[in-house]
PDB file of all heavy atoms in Angstrom:
ATOM      1  N   SER A   1     -76.677 -67.906  33.420  1.00  0.00           N
ATOM      2  CA  SER A   1     -76.254 -66.546  33.746  1.00  0.00           C
ATOM      3  C   SER A   1     -74.733 -66.492  33.790  1.00  0.00           C
ATOM      4  O   SER A   1     -74.095 -67.344  34.406  1.00  0.00           O
ATOM      5  CB  SER A   1     -76.838 -66.111  35.096  1.00  0.00           C
ATOM      6  OG  SER A   1     -76.357 -64.836  35.466  1.00  0.00           O
ATOM      7  N   ILE A   2     -74.160 -65.496  33.117  1.00  0.00           N
ATOM      8  CA  ILE A   2     -72.715 -65.281  33.152  1.00  0.00           C
ATOM      9  C   ILE A   2     -72.412 -64.228  34.206  1.00  0.00           C
ATOM     10  O   ILE A   2     -72.833 -63.074  34.093  1.00  0.00           O
ATOM     11  CB  ILE A   2     -72.185 -64.804  31.780  1.00  0.00           C
ATOM     12  CG1 ILE A   2     -72.689 -65.708  30.654  1.00  0.00           C
ATOM     13  CG2 ILE A   2     -70.661 -64.748  31.796  1.00  0.00           C
ATOM     14  CD1 ILE A   2     -72.226 -67.140  30.737  1.00  0.00           C
ATOM     15  N   ASN A   3     -71.726 -64.649  35.267  1.00  0.00           N
ATOM     16  CA  ASN A   3     -71.352 -63.748  36.371  1.00  0.00           C
ATOM     17  C   ASN A   3     -72.555 -63.046  36.992  1.00  0.00           C
ATOM     18  O   ASN A   3     -72.426 -61.963  37.567  1.00  0.00           O
ATOM     19  CB  ASN A   3     -70.345 -62.695  35.890  1.00  0.00           C
ATOM     20  CG  ASN A   3     -69.037 -63.312  35.452  1.00  0.00           C
ATOM     21  OD1 ASN A   3     -68.567 -64.288  36.027  1.00  0.00           O
ATOM     22  ND2 ASN A   3     -68.452 -62.760  34.404  1.00  0.00           N
ATOM     23  N   ARG A   4     -73.751 -63.655  36.849  1.00  0.00           N
ATOM     24  CA  ARG A   4     -74.999 -63.088  37.369  1.00  0.00           C
ATOM     25  C   ARG A   4     -75.276 -61.696  36.796  1.00  0.00           C
ATOM     26  O   ARG A   4     -75.960 -60.881  37.418  1.00  0.00           O
ATOM     27  CB  ARG A   4     -75.002 -63.039  38.900  1.00  0.00           C
ATOM     28  CG  ARG A   4     -74.887 -64.398  39.552  1.00  0.00           C
ATOM     29  CD  ARG A   4     -75.435 -64.385  40.954  1.00  0.00           C
ATOM     30  NE  ARG A   4     -75.220 -65.624  41.646  1.00  0.00           N
ATOM     31  CZ  ARG A   4     -75.914 -66.734  41.451  1.00  0.00           C
ATOM     32  NH1 ARG A   4     -76.850 -66.756  40.520  1.00  0.00           N
ATOM     33  NH2 ARG A   4     -75.676 -67.825  42.139  1.00  0.00           N
ATOM     34  N   LYS A   5     -74.753 -61.396  35.627  1.00  0.00           N
ATOM     35  CA  LYS A   5     -74.969 -60.098  34.993  1.00  0.00           C
ATOM     36  C   LYS A   5     -75.700 -60.240  33.670  1.00  0.00           C
ATOM     37  O   LYS A   5     -76.525 -59.402  33.314  1.00  0.00           O
ATOM     38  CB  LYS A   5     -73.627 -59.393  34.779  1.00  0.00           C
ATOM     39  CG  LYS A   5     -72.917 -59.005  36.058  1.00  0.00           C
ATOM     40  CD  LYS A   5     -71.602 -58.299  35.758  1.00  0.00           C
ATOM     41  CE  LYS A   5     -70.893 -57.904  37.052  1.00  0.00           C
ATOM     42  NZ  LYS A   5     -69.591 -57.241  36.775  1.00  0.00           N
ATOM     43  N   ILE A   6     -75.379 -61.291  32.911  1.00  0.00           N
ATOM     44  CA  ILE A   6     -75.993 -61.507  31.601  1.00  0.00           C
ATOM     45  C   ILE A   6     -76.723 -62.847  31.629  1.00  0.00           C
ATOM     46  O   ILE A   6     -76.123 -63.877  31.924  1.00  0.00           O
ATOM     47  CB  ILE A   6     -74.949 -61.508  30.477  1.00  0.00           C
ATOM     48  CG1 ILE A   6     -74.091 -60.238  30.524  1.00  0.00           C
ATOM     49  CG2 ILE A   6     -75.620 -61.629  29.116  1.00  0.00           C
ATOM     50  CD1 ILE A   6     -72.952 -60.230  29.541  1.00  0.00           C
ATOM     51  N   ASP A   7     -78.017 -62.834  31.331  1.00  0.00           N
ATOM     52  CA  ASP A   7     -78.828 -64.054  31.331  1.00  0.00           C
ATOM     53  C   ASP A   7     -79.130 -64.484  29.897  1.00  0.00           C
ATOM     54  O   ASP A   7     -79.357 -63.648  29.020  1.00  0.00           O
ATOM     55  CB  ASP A   7     -80.144 -63.826  32.076  1.00  0.00           C
ATOM     56  CG  ASP A   7     -79.916 -63.610  33.569  1.00  0.00           C
ATOM     57  OD1 ASP A   7     -79.180 -64.411  34.158  1.00  0.00           O
ATOM     58  OD2 ASP A   7     -80.473 -62.654  34.119  1.00  0.00           O
ATOM     59  N   TYR A   8     -79.161 -65.792  29.707  1.00  0.00           N
ATOM     60  CA  TYR A   8     -79.473 -66.349  28.392  1.00  0.00           C
ATOM     61  C   TYR A   8     -80.596 -67.369  28.537  1.00  0.00           C
ATOM     62  O   TYR A   8     -80.517 -68.277  29.371  1.00  0.00           O
ATOM     63  CB  TYR A   8     -78.242 -67.019  27.778  1.00  0.00           C
ATOM     64  CG  TYR A   8     -77.150 -66.040  27.436  1.00  0.00           C
ATOM     65  CD1 TYR A   8     -76.141 -65.764  28.359  1.00  0.00           C
ATOM     66  CD2 TYR A   8     -77.136 -65.373  26.221  1.00  0.00           C
ATOM     67  CE1 TYR A   8     -75.144 -64.853  28.065  1.00  0.00           C
ATOM     68  CE2 TYR A   8     -76.134 -64.461  25.915  1.00  0.00           C
ATOM     69  CZ  TYR A   8     -75.141 -64.207  26.840  1.00  0.00           C
ATOM     70  OH  TYR A   8     -74.156 -63.301  26.550  1.00  0.00           O
ATOM     71  N   PRO A   9     -81.652 -67.244  27.744  1.00  0.00           N
ATOM     72  CA  PRO A   9     -82.772 -68.188  27.823  1.00  0.00           C
ATOM     73  C   PRO A   9     -82.446 -69.513  27.153  1.00  0.00           C
ATOM     74  O   PRO A   9     -81.503 -69.629  26.364  1.00  0.00           O
ATOM     75  CB  PRO A   9     -83.884 -67.454  27.062  1.00  0.00           C
ATOM     76  CG  PRO A   9     -83.142 -66.609  26.072  1.00  0.00           C
ATOM     77  CD  PRO A   9     -81.858 -66.201  26.744  1.00  0.00           C
ATOM     78  N   ILE A  10     -83.241 -70.518  27.475  1.00  0.00           N
ATOM     79  CA  ILE A  10     -83.127 -71.853  26.889  1.00  0.00           C
ATOM     80  C   ILE A  10     -84.306 -72.046  25.945  1.00  0.00           C
ATOM     81  O   ILE A  10     -85.437 -71.703  26.275  1.00  0.00           O
ATOM     82  CB  ILE A  10     -83.146 -72.943  27.985  1.00  0.00           C
ATOM     83  CG1 ILE A  10     -82.080 -72.654  29.049  1.00  0.00           C
ATOM     84  CG2 ILE A  10     -82.952 -74.321  27.392  1.00  0.00           C
ATOM     85  CD1 ILE A  10     -80.664 -72.665  28.546  1.00  0.00           C
ATOM     86  N   ASN A  11     -84.050 -72.608  24.770  1.00  0.00           N
ATOM     87  CA  ASN A  11     -85.160 -72.823  23.830  1.00  0.00           C
ATOM     88  C   ASN A  11     -85.878 -74.130  24.121  1.00  0.00           C
ATOM     89  O   ASN A  11     -85.560 -74.840  25.084  1.00  0.00           O
ATOM     90  CB  ASN A  11     -84.667 -72.753  22.380  1.00  0.00           C
ATOM     91  CG  ASN A  11     -83.642 -73.834  22.052  1.00  0.00           C
ATOM     92  OD1 ASN A  11     -83.621 -74.897  22.662  1.00  0.00           O
ATOM     93  ND2 ASN A  11     -82.781 -73.560  21.086  1.00  0.00           N
ATOM     94  N   SER A  12     -86.853 -74.479  23.291  1.00  0.00           N
ATOM     95  CA  SER A  12     -87.690 -75.660  23.534  1.00  0.00           C
ATOM     96  C   SER A  12     -86.911 -76.968  23.430  1.00  0.00           C
ATOM     97  O   SER A  12     -87.387 -78.011  23.867  1.00  0.00           O
ATOM     98  CB  SER A  12     -88.873 -75.681  22.553  1.00  0.00           C
ATOM     99  OG  SER A  12     -88.406 -75.674  21.211  1.00  0.00           O
ATOM    100  N   GLN A  13     -85.717 -76.931  22.864  1.00  0.00           N
ATOM    101  CA  GLN A  13     -84.863 -78.120  22.805  1.00  0.00           C
ATOM    102  C   GLN A  13     -83.883 -78.186  23.979  1.00  0.00           C
ATOM    103  O   GLN A  13     -83.023 -79.070  24.037  1.00  0.00           O
ATOM    104  CB  GLN A  13     -84.066 -78.147  21.486  1.00  0.00           C
ATOM    105  CG  GLN A  13     -84.881 -78.511  20.255  1.00  0.00           C
ATOM    106  CD  GLN A  13     -85.746 -77.353  19.790  1.00  0.00           C
ATOM    107  OE1 GLN A  13     -85.270 -76.219  19.717  1.00  0.00           O
ATOM    108  NE2 GLN A  13     -86.997 -77.624  19.475  1.00  0.00           N
ATOM    109  N   GLY A  14     -84.020 -77.236  24.911  1.00  0.00           N
ATOM    110  CA  GLY A  14     -83.142 -77.214  26.067  1.00  0.00           C
ATOM    111  C   GLY A  14     -81.774 -76.637  25.778  1.00  0.00           C
ATOM    112  O   GLY A  14     -80.830 -76.848  26.545  1.00  0.00           O
ATOM    113  N   VAL A  15     -81.638 -75.895  24.679  1.00  0.00           N
ATOM    114  CA  VAL A  15     -80.343 -75.393  24.226  1.00  0.00           C
ATOM    115  C   VAL A  15     -80.292 -73.874  24.354  1.00  0.00           C
ATOM    116  O   VAL A  15     -81.266 -73.178  24.053  1.00  0.00           O
ATOM    117  CB  VAL A  15     -80.075 -75.810  22.763  1.00  0.00           C
ATOM    118  CG1 VAL A  15     -78.782 -75.184  22.242  1.00  0.00           C
ATOM    119  CG2 VAL A  15     -80.010 -77.332  22.652  1.00  0.00           C
ATOM    120  N   ALA A  16     -79.142 -73.362  24.785  1.00  0.00           N
ATOM    121  CA  ALA A  16     -78.898 -71.918  24.817  1.00  0.00           C
ATOM    122  C   ALA A  16     -77.947 -71.550  23.685  1.00  0.00           C
ATOM    123  O   ALA A  16     -77.122 -72.371  23.269  1.00  0.00           O
ATOM    124  CB  ALA A  16     -78.295 -71.518  26.154  1.00  0.00           C
ATOM    125  N   ASN A  17     -78.061 -70.343  23.175  1.00  0.00           N
ATOM    126  CA  ASN A  17     -77.162 -69.840  22.143  1.00  0.00           C
ATOM    127  C   ASN A  17     -76.378 -68.671  22.723  1.00  0.00           C
ATOM    128  O   ASN A  17     -76.879 -67.552  22.787  1.00  0.00           O
ATOM    129  CB  ASN A  17     -77.956 -69.410  20.911  1.00  0.00           C
ATOM    130  CG  ASN A  17     -78.622 -70.584  20.221  1.00  0.00           C
ATOM    131  OD1 ASN A  17     -77.960 -71.503  19.772  1.00  0.00           O
ATOM    132  ND2 ASN A  17     -79.948 -70.555  20.150  1.00  0.00           N
ATOM    133  N   ILE A  18     -75.168 -68.960  23.154  1.00  0.00           N
ATOM    134  CA  ILE A  18     -74.361 -67.969  23.866  1.00  0.00           C
ATOM    135  C   ILE A  18     -73.110 -67.652  23.048  1.00  0.00           C
ATOM    136  O   ILE A  18     -72.306 -68.546  22.771  1.00  0.00           O
ATOM    137  CB  ILE A  18     -73.961 -68.494  25.258  1.00  0.00           C
ATOM    138  CG1 ILE A  18     -75.216 -68.870  26.063  1.00  0.00           C
ATOM    139  CG2 ILE A  18     -73.128 -67.466  26.008  1.00  0.00           C
ATOM    140  CD1 ILE A  18     -74.917 -69.513  27.392  1.00  0.00           C
ATOM    141  N   PRO A  19     -72.914 -66.411  22.646  1.00  0.00           N
ATOM    142  CA  PRO A  19     -71.696 -66.050  21.907  1.00  0.00           C
ATOM    143  C   PRO A  19     -70.454 -66.319  22.757  1.00  0.00           C
ATOM    144  O   PRO A  19     -70.372 -65.891  23.911  1.00  0.00           O
ATOM    145  CB  PRO A  19     -71.867 -64.559  21.645  1.00  0.00           C
ATOM    146  CG  PRO A  19     -73.337 -64.305  21.789  1.00  0.00           C
ATOM    147  CD  PRO A  19     -73.826 -65.268  22.819  1.00  0.00           C
ATOM    148  N   LEU A  20     -69.504 -67.027  22.189  1.00  0.00           N
ATOM    149  CA  LEU A  20     -68.283 -67.338  22.931  1.00  0.00           C
ATOM    150  C   LEU A  20     -67.522 -66.082  23.330  1.00  0.00           C
ATOM    151  O   LEU A  20     -66.822 -66.060  24.345  1.00  0.00           O
ATOM    152  CB  LEU A  20     -67.386 -68.249  22.082  1.00  0.00           C
ATOM    153  CG  LEU A  20     -67.668 -69.755  22.180  1.00  0.00           C
ATOM    154  CD1 LEU A  20     -66.801 -70.515  21.201  1.00  0.00           C
ATOM    155  CD2 LEU A  20     -67.444 -70.259  23.599  1.00  0.00           C
ATOM    156  N   GLU A  21     -67.692 -65.032  22.554  1.00  0.00           N
ATOM    157  CA  GLU A  21     -66.986 -63.790  22.867  1.00  0.00           C
ATOM    158  C   GLU A  21     -67.488 -63.140  24.149  1.00  0.00           C
ATOM    159  O   GLU A  21     -66.818 -62.280  24.719  1.00  0.00           O
ATOM    160  CB  GLU A  21     -67.122 -62.809  21.701  1.00  0.00           C
ATOM    161  CG  GLU A  21     -68.551 -62.375  21.423  1.00  0.00           C
ATOM    162  CD  GLU A  21     -68.669 -61.456  20.207  1.00  0.00           C
ATOM    163  OE1 GLU A  21     -67.707 -61.379  19.441  1.00  0.00           O
ATOM    164  OE2 GLU A  21     -69.730 -60.828  20.062  1.00  0.00           O
ATOM    165  N   SER A  22     -68.680 -63.559  24.619  1.00  0.00           N
ATOM    166  CA  SER A  22     -69.219 -63.006  25.866  1.00  0.00           C
ATOM    167  C   SER A  22     -68.728 -63.760  27.099  1.00  0.00           C
ATOM    168  O   SER A  22     -69.061 -63.403  28.220  1.00  0.00           O
ATOM    169  CB  SER A  22     -70.751 -63.025  25.832  1.00  0.00           C
ATOM    170  OG  SER A  22     -71.239 -64.365  25.835  1.00  0.00           O
ATOM    171  N   ILE A  23     -67.942 -64.837  26.883  1.00  0.00           N
ATOM    172  CA  ILE A  23     -67.416 -65.648  27.985  1.00  0.00           C
ATOM    173  C   ILE A  23     -65.902 -65.464  28.041  1.00  0.00           C
ATOM    174  O   ILE A  23     -65.215 -65.556  27.024  1.00  0.00           O
ATOM    175  CB  ILE A  23     -67.754 -67.136  27.795  1.00  0.00           C
ATOM    176  CG1 ILE A  23     -69.265 -67.333  27.658  1.00  0.00           C
ATOM    177  CG2 ILE A  23     -67.221 -67.965  28.960  1.00  0.00           C
ATOM    178  CD1 ILE A  23     -69.658 -68.750  27.312  1.00  0.00           C
ATOM    179  N   ASN A  24     -65.389 -65.231  29.239  1.00  0.00           N
ATOM    180  CA  ASN A  24     -63.952 -65.076  29.434  1.00  0.00           C
ATOM    181  C   ASN A  24     -63.453 -66.083  30.462  1.00  0.00           C
ATOM    182  O   ASN A  24     -64.216 -66.522  31.346  1.00  0.00           O
ATOM    183  CB  ASN A  24     -63.615 -63.659  29.904  1.00  0.00           C
ATOM    184  CG  ASN A  24     -64.032 -62.603  28.903  1.00  0.00           C
ATOM    185  OD1 ASN A  24     -63.605 -62.631  27.754  1.00  0.00           O
ATOM    186  ND2 ASN A  24     -64.884 -61.671  29.341  1.00  0.00           N
TER     187      ASN A  24
END
């Protein structure tokens, strides 16, 4: 979770795909 506002799931390999532009 980014700032407890945006959540990202983890796939079966334990990896998340998070756009870097969504992180500051």
